[in-house]
C-alpha atoms as a PDB file:
ATOM      1  CA  MET A   1      37.302  90.809 228.362  1.00  0.00           C
ATOM      2  CA  ASP A   2      36.179  87.258 227.667  1.00  0.00           C
ATOM      3  CA  SER A   3      38.615  84.650 226.425  1.00  0.00           C
ATOM      4  CA  LEU A   4      38.320  83.354 222.834  1.00  0.00           C
ATOM      5  CA  HIS A   5      39.371  80.125 221.109  1.00  0.00           C
ATOM      6  CA  LEU A   6      40.316  80.196 217.414  1.00  0.00           C
ATOM      7  CA  SER A   7      40.473  77.264 214.998  1.00  0.00           C
ATOM      8  CA  LEU A   8      42.954  77.131 212.142  1.00  0.00           C
ATOM      9  CA  ASP A   9      40.357  78.480 209.675  1.00  0.00           C
ATOM     10  CA  GLU A  10      39.460  81.359 212.005  1.00  0.00           C
ATOM     11  CA  LEU A  11      43.070  82.355 212.628  1.00  0.00           C
ATOM     12  CA  LYS A  12      43.765  82.361 208.880  1.00  0.00           C
ATOM     13  CA  GLY A  13      41.141  85.095 208.672  1.00  0.00           C
ATOM     14  CA  LEU A  14      43.265  87.303 210.918  1.00  0.00           C
ATOM     15  CA  ILE A  15      46.871  86.783 209.817  1.00  0.00           C
ATOM     16  CA  PRO A  16      48.200  86.610 206.253  1.00  0.00           C
ATOM     17  CA  HIS A  17      50.668  83.754 206.820  1.00  0.00           C
ATOM     18  CA  ARG A  18      50.139  80.470 204.979  1.00  0.00           C
ATOM     19  CA  GLU A  19      52.007  77.193 204.644  1.00  0.00           C
ATOM     20  CA  PRO A  20      54.894  76.739 204.603  1.00  0.00           C
ATOM     21  CA  PHE A  21      55.331  79.852 206.771  1.00  0.00           C
ATOM     22  CA  LEU A  22      52.329  79.504 209.087  1.00  0.00           C
ATOM     23  CA  PHE A  23      53.641  78.450 212.500  1.00  0.00           C
ATOM     24  CA  VAL A  24      50.422  78.212 214.485  1.00  0.00           C
ATOM     25  CA  ASP A  25      47.850  75.404 214.422  1.00  0.00           C
ATOM     26  CA  GLU A  26      45.398  76.739 216.975  1.00  0.00           C
ATOM     27  CA  ILE A  27      44.831  79.619 219.351  1.00  0.00           C
ATOM     28  CA  ILE A  28      43.793  77.854 222.535  1.00  0.00           C
ATOM     29  CA  GLU A  29      42.902  81.006 224.411  1.00  0.00           C
ATOM     30  CA  VAL A  30      43.153  84.721 223.769  1.00  0.00           C
ATOM     31  CA  VAL A  31      42.090  87.653 225.883  1.00  0.00           C
ATOM     32  CA  PRO A  32      42.161  90.496 223.333  1.00  0.00           C
ATOM     33  CA  GLY A  33      44.695  93.152 224.263  1.00  0.00           C
ATOM     34  CA  GLU A  34      46.028  91.115 227.201  1.00  0.00           C
ATOM     35  CA  SER A  35      47.228  87.549 226.645  1.00  0.00           C
ATOM     36  CA  VAL A  36      47.262  84.568 224.288  1.00  0.00           C
ATOM     37  CA  VAL A  37      48.050  80.854 224.318  1.00  0.00           C
ATOM     38  CA  GLY A  38      48.656  79.083 221.023  1.00  0.00           C
ATOM     39  CA  LYS A  39      50.209  75.892 219.754  1.00  0.00           C
ATOM     40  CA  LYS A  40      52.057  74.392 216.821  1.00  0.00           C
ATOM     41  CA  THR A  41      52.991  70.777 216.223  1.00  0.00           C
ATOM     42  CA  PHE A  42      56.173  70.162 214.247  1.00  0.00           C
ATOM     43  CA  THR A  43      56.088  66.747 212.574  1.00  0.00           C
ATOM     44  CA  GLY A  44      59.652  66.513 211.308  1.00  0.00           C
ATOM     45  CA  LYS A  45      58.424  66.576 207.703  1.00  0.00           C
ATOM     46  CA  GLU A  46      58.934  70.358 207.410  1.00  0.00           C
ATOM     47  CA  ASP A  47      61.591  71.211 204.794  1.00  0.00           C
ATOM     48  CA  PHE A  48      63.897  73.083 207.172  1.00  0.00           C
ATOM     49  CA  PHE A  49      64.557  69.896 209.172  1.00  0.00           C
ATOM     50  CA  LYS A  50      66.270  68.391 206.097  1.00  0.00           C
ATOM     51  CA  GLY A  51      69.139  70.859 206.398  1.00  0.00           C
ATOM     52  CA  HIS A  52      69.013  71.753 210.106  1.00  0.00           C
ATOM     53  CA  PHE A  53      70.626  69.251 210.620  1.00  0.00           C
ATOM     54  CA  PRO A  54      70.825  66.037 208.531  1.00  0.00           C
ATOM     55  CA  GLY A  55      70.535  63.114 210.932  1.00  0.00           C
ATOM     56  CA  LEU A  56      69.970  65.440 213.904  1.00  0.00           C
ATOM     57  CA  PRO A  57      66.806  67.468 213.214  1.00  0.00           C
ATOM     58  CA  ILE A  58      66.703  70.571 215.430  1.00  0.00           C
ATOM     59  CA  LEU A  59      64.011  73.235 215.174  1.00  0.00           C
ATOM     60  CA  PRO A  60      65.749  76.492 214.134  1.00  0.00           C
ATOM     61  CA  GLY A  61      65.605  79.293 216.706  1.00  0.00           C
ATOM     62  CA  VAL A  62      64.368  81.716 214.066  1.00  0.00           C
ATOM     63  CA  ILE A  63      61.295  79.495 213.545  1.00  0.00           C
ATOM     64  CA  ILE A  64      60.614  79.492 217.292  1.00  0.00           C
ATOM     65  CA  VAL A  65      60.777  83.304 217.356  1.00  0.00           C
ATOM     66  CA  GLU A  66      58.520  83.587 214.288  1.00  0.00           C
ATOM     67  CA  MET A  67      56.019  81.179 215.856  1.00  0.00           C
ATOM     68  CA  ALA A  68      55.974  83.238 219.066  1.00  0.00           C
ATOM     69  CA  ALA A  69      55.468  86.434 217.034  1.00  0.00           C
ATOM     70  CA  GLN A  70      52.610  84.991 214.974  1.00  0.00           C
ATOM     71  CA  ILE A  71      50.837  83.750 218.087  1.00  0.00           C
ATOM     72  CA  SER A  72      51.476  86.999 219.982  1.00  0.00           C
ATOM     73  CA  ALA A  73      49.856  89.024 217.191  1.00  0.00           C
ATOM     74  CA  PHE A  74      46.445  87.599 218.113  1.00  0.00           C
ATOM     75  CA  MET A  75      46.365  89.703 221.287  1.00  0.00           C
ATOM     76  CA  ILE A  76      46.035  92.728 219.024  1.00  0.00           C
ATOM     77  CA  LEU A  77      44.219  91.313 215.980  1.00  0.00           C
ATOM     78  CA  THR A  78      41.309  89.930 218.018  1.00  0.00           C
ATOM     79  CA  ILE A  79      40.391  93.421 219.248  1.00  0.00           C
ATOM     80  CA  PRO A  80      37.402  94.124 216.961  1.00  0.00           C
ATOM     81  CA  SER A  81      38.482  97.664 216.053  1.00  0.00           C
ATOM     82  CA  LEU A  82      41.994  96.450 215.101  1.00  0.00           C
ATOM     83  CA  LYS A  83      41.175  93.325 213.048  1.00  0.00           C
ATOM     84  CA  ASN A  84      42.152  95.023 209.755  1.00  0.00           C
ATOM     85  CA  LEU A  85      45.722  95.618 210.868  1.00  0.00           C
ATOM     86  CA  PHE A  86      48.852  93.814 209.734  1.00  0.00           C
ATOM     87  CA  GLY A  87      51.692  93.181 212.192  1.00  0.00           C
ATOM     88  CA  LEU A  88      55.323  93.755 211.235  1.00  0.00           C
ATOM     89  CA  PHE A  89      58.303  92.732 213.410  1.00  0.00           C
ATOM     90  CA  THR A  90      60.284  95.646 214.815  1.00  0.00           C
ATOM     91  CA  SER A  91      62.577  93.969 217.349  1.00  0.00           C
ATOM     92  CA  ILE A  92      63.436  90.894 219.356  1.00  0.00           C
ATOM     93  CA  GLU A  93      64.893  91.380 222.814  1.00  0.00           C
ATOM     94  CA  LYS A  94      66.447  89.023 225.326  1.00  0.00           C
ATOM     95  CA  PHE A  95      65.250  85.937 223.465  1.00  0.00           C
ATOM     96  CA  LYS A  96      66.954  82.853 224.841  1.00  0.00           C
ATOM     97  CA  PHE A  97      66.774  79.232 223.861  1.00  0.00           C
ATOM     98  CA  ILE A  98      66.878  77.016 226.925  1.00  0.00           C
ATOM     99  CA  LYS A  99      66.574  73.564 225.354  1.00  0.00           C
ATOM    100  CA  LYS A 100      66.960  72.210 221.822  1.00  0.00           C
ATOM    101  CA  ILE A 101      63.724  71.175 220.152  1.00  0.00           C
ATOM    102  CA  SER A 102      63.699  68.124 217.916  1.00  0.00           C
ATOM    103  CA  SER A 103      61.137  67.181 215.321  1.00  0.00           C
ATOM    104  CA  ASP A 104      57.859  65.564 216.362  1.00  0.00           C
ATOM    105  CA  THR A 105      57.163  68.157 219.075  1.00  0.00           C
ATOM    106  CA  THR A 106      54.167  70.273 220.014  1.00  0.00           C
ATOM    107  CA  LEU A 107      55.092  73.709 221.314  1.00  0.00           C
ATOM    108  CA  ILE A 108      52.828  75.985 223.328  1.00  0.00           C
ATOM    109  CA  VAL A 109      53.388  79.745 223.339  1.00  0.00           C
ATOM    110  CA  LYS A 110      52.082  81.812 226.241  1.00  0.00           C
ATOM    111  CA  SER A 111      52.360  85.510 225.606  1.00  0.00           C
ATOM    112  CA  ARG A 112      51.232  88.609 227.445  1.00  0.00           C
ATOM    113  CA  ILE A 113      51.171  92.217 226.363  1.00  0.00           C
ATOM    114  CA  LEU A 114      53.674  94.527 228.005  1.00  0.00           C
ATOM    115  CA  LEU A 115      52.787  97.649 226.030  1.00  0.00           C
ATOM    116  CA  PHE A 116      50.397  98.694 223.287  1.00  0.00           C
ATOM    117  CA  ARG A 117      50.397 102.321 222.200  1.00  0.00           C
ATOM    118  CA  HIS A 118      50.019 104.072 218.856  1.00  0.00           C
ATOM    119  CA  ASN A 119      49.823 100.705 217.035  1.00  0.00           C
ATOM    120  CA  PHE A 120      53.122  99.567 218.592  1.00  0.00           C
ATOM    121  CA  ALA A 121      53.070  96.391 220.682  1.00  0.00           C
ATOM    122  CA  LYS A 122      55.612  94.796 222.955  1.00  0.00           C
ATOM    123  CA  SER A 123      54.911  91.343 224.361  1.00  0.00           C
ATOM    124  CA  GLU A 124      56.664  88.783 226.501  1.00  0.00           C
ATOM    125  CA  ALA A 125      56.526  85.236 225.135  1.00  0.00           C
ATOM    126  CA  GLN A 126      57.312  81.920 226.773  1.00  0.00           C
ATOM    127  CA  VAL A 127      57.579  78.730 224.723  1.00  0.00           C
ATOM    128  CA  PHE A 128      56.894  75.341 226.305  1.00  0.00           C
ATOM    129  CA  ALA A 129      57.305  71.707 225.253  1.00  0.00           C
ATOM    130  CA  GLY A 130      54.868  70.013 227.608  1.00  0.00           C
ATOM    131  CA  ASP A 131      55.438  71.672 230.982  1.00  0.00           C
ATOM    132  CA  GLU A 132      59.065  72.518 230.224  1.00  0.00           C
ATOM    133  CA  LEU A 133      60.099  76.093 229.341  1.00  0.00           C
ATOM    134  CA  VAL A 134      62.275  75.838 226.207  1.00  0.00           C
ATOM    135  CA  ALA A 135      62.556  79.472 225.052  1.00  0.00           C
ATOM    136  CA  GLU A 136      61.493  82.968 226.086  1.00  0.00           C
ATOM    137  CA  GLY A 137      61.911  86.584 225.112  1.00  0.00           C
ATOM    138  CA  VAL A 138      60.335  89.912 224.221  1.00  0.00           C
ATOM    139  CA  ILE A 139      58.896  90.650 220.781  1.00  0.00           C
ATOM    140  CA  SER A 140      57.934  94.061 219.411  1.00  0.00           C
ATOM    141  CA  ALA A 141      55.813  94.805 216.367  1.00  0.00           C
ATOM    142  CA  THR A 142      54.126  97.698 214.674  1.00  0.00           C
ATOM    143  CA  PHE A 143      50.620  97.278 213.293  1.00  0.00           C
ATOM    144  CA  VAL A 144      49.558  99.000 210.090  1.00  0.00           C
ATOM    145  CA  ASP A 145      46.341  98.987 208.095  1.00  0.00           C
ATOM    146  CA  LYS A 146      46.229  96.134 205.563  1.00  0.00           C
ATOM    147  CA  SER A 147      44.973  98.527 202.893  1.00  0.00           C
ATOM    148  CA  SER A 148      48.309 100.395 203.001  1.00  0.00           C
ATOM    149  CA  PHE A 149      49.935  97.444 201.180  1.00  0.00           C
ATOM    150  CA  ARG A 150      49.868  97.110 197.429  1.00  0.00           C
ATOM    151  CA  GLY A 151      49.378  93.530 196.274  1.00  0.00           C
END
């Protein structure tokens, strides 16, 4: 399959997340059903830095995992026949945080699909600050039809 690039407006058409819980600025490259590369710049102005930790702003690990999950979802949601699905976390495995991330940092997530069957996906994600690996792990999600949710 050909690789795609998605702007912020285009990616908002595929996932339901919005500020302040949207942790992707751009999908740099996605090969539907195979791999994805996305990025997010943290400015230090995000509310969670105020309490994590005052005077020593460190990006919370849970935000890094959520960012990796949001970016990983594009491997599935850019498959034309699956664009009306909604991804829900099912598990996080072997996620490790190698280096602390401060504010004012751009992170790049590189993720590849390990398994996709019966609307269940498992992907391996690596998170980089520049060329340095700062976190990695395996994320699983189930994908359901958006129309199954009541709003």
